[in-house]
Amino acid sequence: MNAGEIAAAVRDMLTTTLLLMSPFLLAATVISLLVGMIQAGTRINDLTLSFVPRFVATLLVAYFAAAWAVAHLIFYIERSAAAAGMLGR
């Protein structure tokens, strides 16, 4: 395995990781922004008010995106296993 193949494998791993994490991070960021705007408008500074909606949004995204994430992860593992199988030859 040469340096180019290793760099391609690392790039593929990082791309897959970012793709799998982006729905969760996007949901948490959007909810945090909305809650922050509401808190600024009403002058309510409660820590649970910012934590609970973000937690619920992340759980909802995990529920609705689980099948997509698992399918994408299985595809990545199959590709990686096939590439690793080619090394032994």
C-alpha atoms as a PDB file:
ATOM      1  CA  MET A   1       0.000   0.000   0.000  1.00  0.00           C
ATOM      2  CA  ASN A   2       1.560   3.276  -1.064  1.00  0.00           C
ATOM      3  CA  ALA A   3       1.131   6.774   0.333  1.00  0.00           C
ATOM      4  CA  GLY A   4      -1.540   7.701  -2.216  1.00  0.00           C
ATOM      5  CA  GLU A   5      -3.758   4.783  -1.253  1.00  0.00           C
ATOM      6  CA  ILE A   6      -3.360   5.582   2.429  1.00  0.00           C
ATOM      7  CA  ALA A   7      -4.226   9.242   1.811  1.00  0.00           C
ATOM      8  CA  ALA A   8      -7.307   8.194  -0.197  1.00  0.00           C
ATOM      9  CA  ALA A   9      -8.429   5.837   2.590  1.00  0.00           C
ATOM     10  CA  VAL A  10      -7.995   8.537   5.241  1.00  0.00           C
ATOM     11  CA  ARG A  11      -9.831  11.079   3.083  1.00  0.00           C
ATOM     12  CA  ASP A  12     -12.687   8.624   2.539  1.00  0.00           C
ATOM     13  CA  MET A  13     -12.869   7.911   6.283  1.00  0.00           C
ATOM     14  CA  LEU A  14     -12.979  11.615   7.188  1.00  0.00           C
ATOM     15  CA  THR A  15     -15.549  12.374   4.482  1.00  0.00           C
ATOM     16  CA  THR A  16     -17.790   9.562   5.713  1.00  0.00           C
ATOM     17  CA  THR A  17     -17.441  10.746   9.315  1.00  0.00           C
ATOM     18  CA  LEU A  18     -18.368  14.321   8.413  1.00  0.00           C
ATOM     19  CA  LEU A  19     -21.296  13.123   6.307  1.00  0.00           C
ATOM     20  CA  LEU A  20     -22.642  10.941   9.117  1.00  0.00           C
ATOM     21  CA  MET A  21     -22.279  13.633  11.792  1.00  0.00           C
ATOM     22  CA  SER A  22     -23.606  16.586   9.780  1.00  0.00           C
ATOM     23  CA  PRO A  23     -27.365  16.010  10.368  1.00  0.00           C
ATOM     24  CA  PHE A  24     -26.856  15.879  14.139  1.00  0.00           C
ATOM     25  CA  LEU A  25     -24.610  18.930  14.228  1.00  0.00           C
ATOM     26  CA  LEU A  26     -26.904  20.878  11.911  1.00  0.00           C
ATOM     27  CA  ALA A  27     -29.963  20.137  14.045  1.00  0.00           C
ATOM     28  CA  ALA A  28     -28.177  21.109  17.263  1.00  0.00           C
ATOM     29  CA  THR A  29     -26.841  24.313  15.693  1.00  0.00           C
ATOM     30  CA  VAL A  30     -30.193  25.423  14.276  1.00  0.00           C
ATOM     31  CA  ILE A  31     -32.041  24.708  17.512  1.00  0.00           C
ATOM     32  CA  SER A  32     -29.358  26.506  19.531  1.00  0.00           C
ATOM     33  CA  LEU A  33     -29.687  29.533  17.286  1.00  0.00           C
ATOM     34  CA  LEU A  34     -33.474  29.603  17.601  1.00  0.00           C
ATOM     35  CA  VAL A  35     -33.419  29.119  21.374  1.00  0.00           C
ATOM     36  CA  GLY A  36     -30.704  31.767  21.704  1.00  0.00           C
ATOM     37  CA  MET A  37     -32.826  34.255  19.753  1.00  0.00           C
ATOM     38  CA  ILE A  38     -35.848  33.492  21.937  1.00  0.00           C
ATOM     39  CA  GLN A  39     -33.758  33.837  25.093  1.00  0.00           C
ATOM     40  CA  ALA A  40     -32.321  37.146  23.903  1.00  0.00           C
ATOM     41  CA  GLY A  41     -35.768  38.448  23.064  1.00  0.00           C
ATOM     42  CA  THR A  42     -37.354  37.445  26.343  1.00  0.00           C
ATOM     43  CA  ARG A  43     -34.285  37.897  28.567  1.00  0.00           C
ATOM     44  CA  ILE A  44     -34.731  34.409  30.009  1.00  0.00           C
ATOM     45  CA  ASN A  45     -31.377  32.813  30.826  1.00  0.00           C
ATOM     46  CA  ASP A  46     -32.059  29.268  31.884  1.00  0.00           C
ATOM     47  CA  LEU A  47     -29.561  26.505  31.080  1.00  0.00           C
ATOM     48  CA  THR A  48     -32.200  23.801  30.774  1.00  0.00           C
ATOM     49  CA  LEU A  49     -34.088  25.925  28.258  1.00  0.00           C
ATOM     50  CA  SER A  50     -31.120  25.713  25.902  1.00  0.00           C
ATOM     51  CA  PHE A  51     -30.211  22.082  26.641  1.00  0.00           C
ATOM     52  CA  VAL A  52     -33.560  20.291  26.436  1.00  0.00           C
ATOM     53  CA  PRO A  53     -34.649  21.449  22.940  1.00  0.00           C
ATOM     54  CA  ARG A  54     -31.182  20.706  21.546  1.00  0.00           C
ATOM     55  CA  PHE A  55     -31.256  17.238  23.120  1.00  0.00           C
ATOM     56  CA  VAL A  56     -34.749  16.519  21.791  1.00  0.00           C
ATOM     57  CA  ALA A  57     -33.821  17.724  18.293  1.00  0.00           C
ATOM     58  CA  THR A  58     -30.736  15.521  18.266  1.00  0.00           C
ATOM     59  CA  LEU A  59     -32.787  12.512  19.377  1.00  0.00           C
ATOM     60  CA  LEU A  60     -35.367  13.179  16.659  1.00  0.00           C
ATOM     61  CA  VAL A  61     -32.659  13.410  14.023  1.00  0.00           C
ATOM     62  CA  ALA A  62     -31.143  10.175  15.338  1.00  0.00           C
ATOM     63  CA  TYR A  63     -34.544   8.501  15.080  1.00  0.00           C
ATOM     64  CA  PHE A  64     -35.329   9.693  11.562  1.00  0.00           C
ATOM     65  CA  ALA A  65     -31.815   9.449  10.100  1.00  0.00           C
ATOM     66  CA  ALA A  66     -30.782   6.148  11.684  1.00  0.00           C
ATOM     67  CA  ALA A  67     -31.628   3.997   8.661  1.00  0.00           C
ATOM     68  CA  TRP A  68     -29.778   6.344   6.313  1.00  0.00           C
ATOM     69  CA  ALA A  69     -26.731   6.507   8.598  1.00  0.00           C
ATOM     70  CA  VAL A  70     -26.554   2.745   9.085  1.00  0.00           C
ATOM     71  CA  ALA A  71     -26.897   2.110   5.345  1.00  0.00           C
ATOM     72  CA  HIS A  72     -24.136   4.585   4.601  1.00  0.00           C
ATOM     73  CA  LEU A  73     -21.914   3.086   7.306  1.00  0.00           C
ATOM     74  CA  ILE A  74     -22.459  -0.450   6.007  1.00  0.00           C
ATOM     75  CA  PHE A  75     -21.556   0.705   2.492  1.00  0.00           C
ATOM     76  CA  TYR A  76     -18.353   2.279   3.833  1.00  0.00           C
ATOM     77  CA  ILE A  77     -17.416  -0.859   5.789  1.00  0.00           C
ATOM     78  CA  GLU A  78     -18.026  -3.065   2.738  1.00  0.00           C
ATOM     79  CA  ARG A  79     -15.831  -0.796   0.604  1.00  0.00           C
ATOM     80  CA  SER A  80     -13.097  -0.775   3.239  1.00  0.00           C
ATOM     81  CA  ALA A  81     -13.231  -4.550   3.680  1.00  0.00           C
ATOM     82  CA  ALA A  82     -13.023  -5.063  -0.080  1.00  0.00           C
ATOM     83  CA  ALA A  83     -10.031  -2.737  -0.269  1.00  0.00           C
ATOM     84  CA  ALA A  84      -8.359  -4.508   2.648  1.00  0.00           C
ATOM     85  CA  GLY A  85      -9.008  -7.866   0.983  1.00  0.00           C
ATOM     86  CA  MET A  86      -7.147  -6.659  -2.073  1.00  0.00           C
ATOM     87  CA  LEU A  87      -4.058  -6.041   0.099  1.00  0.00           C
ATOM     88  CA  GLY A  88      -3.531  -9.694   0.916  1.00  0.00           C
ATOM     89  CA  ARG A  89      -3.141 -10.680  -2.730  1.00  0.00           C
END
